[in-house]
Amino acid sequence: MINLFLTGLLSFNIGLEIPVFAMDKTEVKLSPPLENEQGWSSWHPWIYFPFDKIQVGLSNMDLGGMLDFEYSCFASVGDENNQIKQESYWYRISENTEKIGNDIYVKIEVGCWLNNEFKSTIIINGIKN
């Protein structure tokens, strides 16, 4: 009689999917989307920026903008942010250029990737060498 009861109980549960432990099925994203958006390169870590090929920080507007950008990312500005900048700053370069005189200007978007999203972004100017 007990075996019949257990068999009936087991057959009753067949096909039921009741999770004992529910786990979030969240995707861990350690970097921004790496696909190219139209008109832009893909995102790259800031530590790999080609400073030997593109000059940045050419105007007070860009320099001040980068300070505002840093503050919007970390709520502070200073050397204490240097390590987290290396880990969270990403850049991409516009495919569109503008020639003024002998210089070729390009737009660069810089973003701080925190908690699987861009907390802030800024577009600065650069000159290709």
Protein backbone atom coordinates (compact mmCIF):
# COMPACT_ATOMS: atom_id res chain seq x y z
CA MET A 1 0.00 0.00 0.00
CA ILE A 2 2.86 2.39 0.85
CA ASN A 3 4.63 1.52 -2.42
CA LEU A 4 1.44 2.28 -4.34
CA PHE A 5 1.15 5.64 -2.57
CA LEU A 6 4.80 6.54 -3.34
CA THR A 7 4.43 5.45 -6.97
CA GLY A 8 1.34 7.62 -7.30
CA LEU A 9 3.11 10.56 -5.68
CA LEU A 10 6.10 10.20 -8.02
CA SER A 11 3.93 9.92 -11.10
CA PHE A 12 2.03 13.02 -9.99
CA ASN A 13 5.28 15.04 -9.93
CA ILE A 14 6.48 13.87 -13.33
CA GLY A 15 6.29 16.80 -15.68
CA LEU A 16 6.14 19.44 -12.98
CA GLU A 17 9.06 21.81 -12.99
CA ILE A 18 9.16 23.49 -9.62
CA PRO A 19 12.56 25.07 -9.06
CA VAL A 20 13.85 24.58 -5.55
CA PHE A 21 16.52 27.27 -6.00
CA ALA A 22 15.78 30.05 -8.46
CA MET A 23 18.84 31.68 -10.02
CA ASP A 24 18.86 34.87 -12.02
CA LYS A 25 19.77 34.28 -15.62
CA THR A 26 21.63 37.56 -16.00
CA GLU A 27 24.28 38.05 -18.60
CA VAL A 28 27.58 39.25 -17.24
CA LYS A 29 28.91 41.99 -19.51
CA LEU A 30 32.41 43.11 -18.69
CA SER A 31 32.67 45.39 -21.70
CA PRO A 32 30.42 47.54 -23.85
CA PRO A 33 28.95 46.08 -27.04
CA LEU A 34 31.89 45.41 -29.32
CA GLU A 35 29.95 45.62 -32.59
CA ASN A 36 30.55 48.68 -34.73
CA GLU A 37 27.78 51.24 -34.91
CA GLN A 38 27.42 52.98 -38.23
CA GLY A 39 30.03 55.72 -38.52
CA TRP A 40 32.09 54.57 -35.51
CA SER A 41 34.84 52.07 -34.77
CA SER A 42 34.18 49.42 -32.16
CA TRP A 43 34.79 50.22 -28.49
CA HIS A 44 38.31 49.67 -27.14
CA PRO A 45 39.82 50.05 -23.65
CA TRP A 46 41.23 53.55 -23.15
CA ILE A 47 44.60 52.14 -22.11
CA TYR A 48 45.06 51.10 -25.78
CA PHE A 49 44.30 54.56 -27.22
CA PRO A 50 46.71 55.29 -30.11
CA PHE A 51 48.27 58.44 -28.63
CA ASP A 52 51.11 58.08 -31.14
CA LYS A 53 48.61 58.48 -34.02
CA ILE A 54 46.01 60.89 -32.58
CA GLN A 55 46.59 63.97 -30.41
CA VAL A 56 43.87 64.74 -27.84
CA GLY A 57 43.42 67.43 -25.19
CA LEU A 58 43.87 70.17 -27.74
CA SER A 59 41.43 72.70 -26.33
CA ASN A 60 40.41 73.97 -22.93
CA MET A 61 36.89 72.81 -23.78
CA ASP A 62 38.07 69.21 -24.21
CA LEU A 63 40.26 69.33 -21.09
CA GLY A 64 37.48 70.81 -18.98
CA GLY A 65 35.02 68.37 -20.52
CA MET A 66 37.20 65.44 -19.50
CA LEU A 67 37.31 66.72 -15.91
CA ASP A 68 33.50 67.04 -15.89
CA PHE A 69 33.32 63.57 -17.43
CA GLU A 70 35.58 62.10 -14.73
CA TYR A 71 33.46 63.73 -12.03
CA SER A 72 30.23 62.37 -13.57
CA CYS A 73 31.73 58.88 -13.56
CA PHE A 74 33.30 58.77 -10.09
CA ALA A 75 31.91 61.80 -8.18
CA SER A 76 35.48 63.06 -7.76
CA VAL A 77 38.44 64.20 -9.82
CA GLY A 78 42.03 63.27 -9.05
CA ASP A 79 44.82 60.72 -9.04
CA GLU A 80 42.80 58.39 -6.80
CA ASN A 81 40.73 57.56 -9.90
CA ASN A 82 43.67 56.49 -12.08
CA GLN A 83 43.27 52.75 -11.47
CA ILE A 84 39.52 52.71 -12.06
CA LYS A 85 39.96 54.83 -15.20
CA GLN A 86 42.19 52.12 -16.64
CA GLU A 87 39.50 49.55 -15.89
CA SER A 88 36.41 51.49 -16.93
CA TYR A 89 37.29 54.02 -19.67
CA TRP A 90 36.56 52.93 -23.25
CA TYR A 91 36.82 54.83 -26.52
CA ARG A 92 35.69 54.67 -30.12
CA ILE A 93 36.67 56.82 -33.08
CA SER A 94 34.37 58.35 -35.65
CA GLU A 95 34.95 57.29 -39.24
CA ASN A 96 34.17 60.86 -40.37
CA THR A 97 37.08 63.26 -40.47
CA GLU A 98 37.36 66.95 -41.21
CA LYS A 99 40.38 68.58 -42.81
CA ILE A 100 41.20 72.08 -41.59
CA GLY A 101 44.40 73.46 -43.08
CA ASN A 102 46.95 70.65 -42.91
CA ASP A 103 45.28 68.94 -39.94
CA ILE A 104 42.77 66.09 -40.03
CA TYR A 105 40.30 66.29 -37.14
CA VAL A 106 38.41 63.31 -35.81
CA LYS A 107 35.73 62.89 -33.13
CA ILE A 108 36.45 60.48 -30.26
CA GLU A 109 33.77 59.22 -27.90
CA VAL A 110 34.98 58.26 -24.44
CA GLY A 111 32.75 56.42 -21.99
CA CYS A 112 33.06 55.02 -18.49
CA TRP A 113 31.66 51.49 -18.36
CA LEU A 114 30.39 50.81 -14.84
CA ASN A 115 27.85 48.19 -13.69
CA ASN A 116 27.33 46.91 -17.23
CA GLU A 117 26.38 50.28 -18.72
CA PHE A 118 27.91 53.57 -19.72
CA LYS A 119 27.48 55.82 -16.73
CA SER A 120 28.65 58.78 -18.80
CA THR A 121 30.13 59.55 -22.23
CA ILE A 122 31.79 62.54 -23.85
CA ILE A 123 32.87 63.39 -27.38
CA ILE A 124 36.24 65.09 -27.73
CA ASN A 125 38.31 66.21 -30.71
CA GLY A 126 41.55 64.73 -31.91
CA ILE A 127 44.06 65.46 -34.65
CA LYS A 128 45.48 62.57 -36.64
CA ASN A 129 49.27 62.62 -36.92
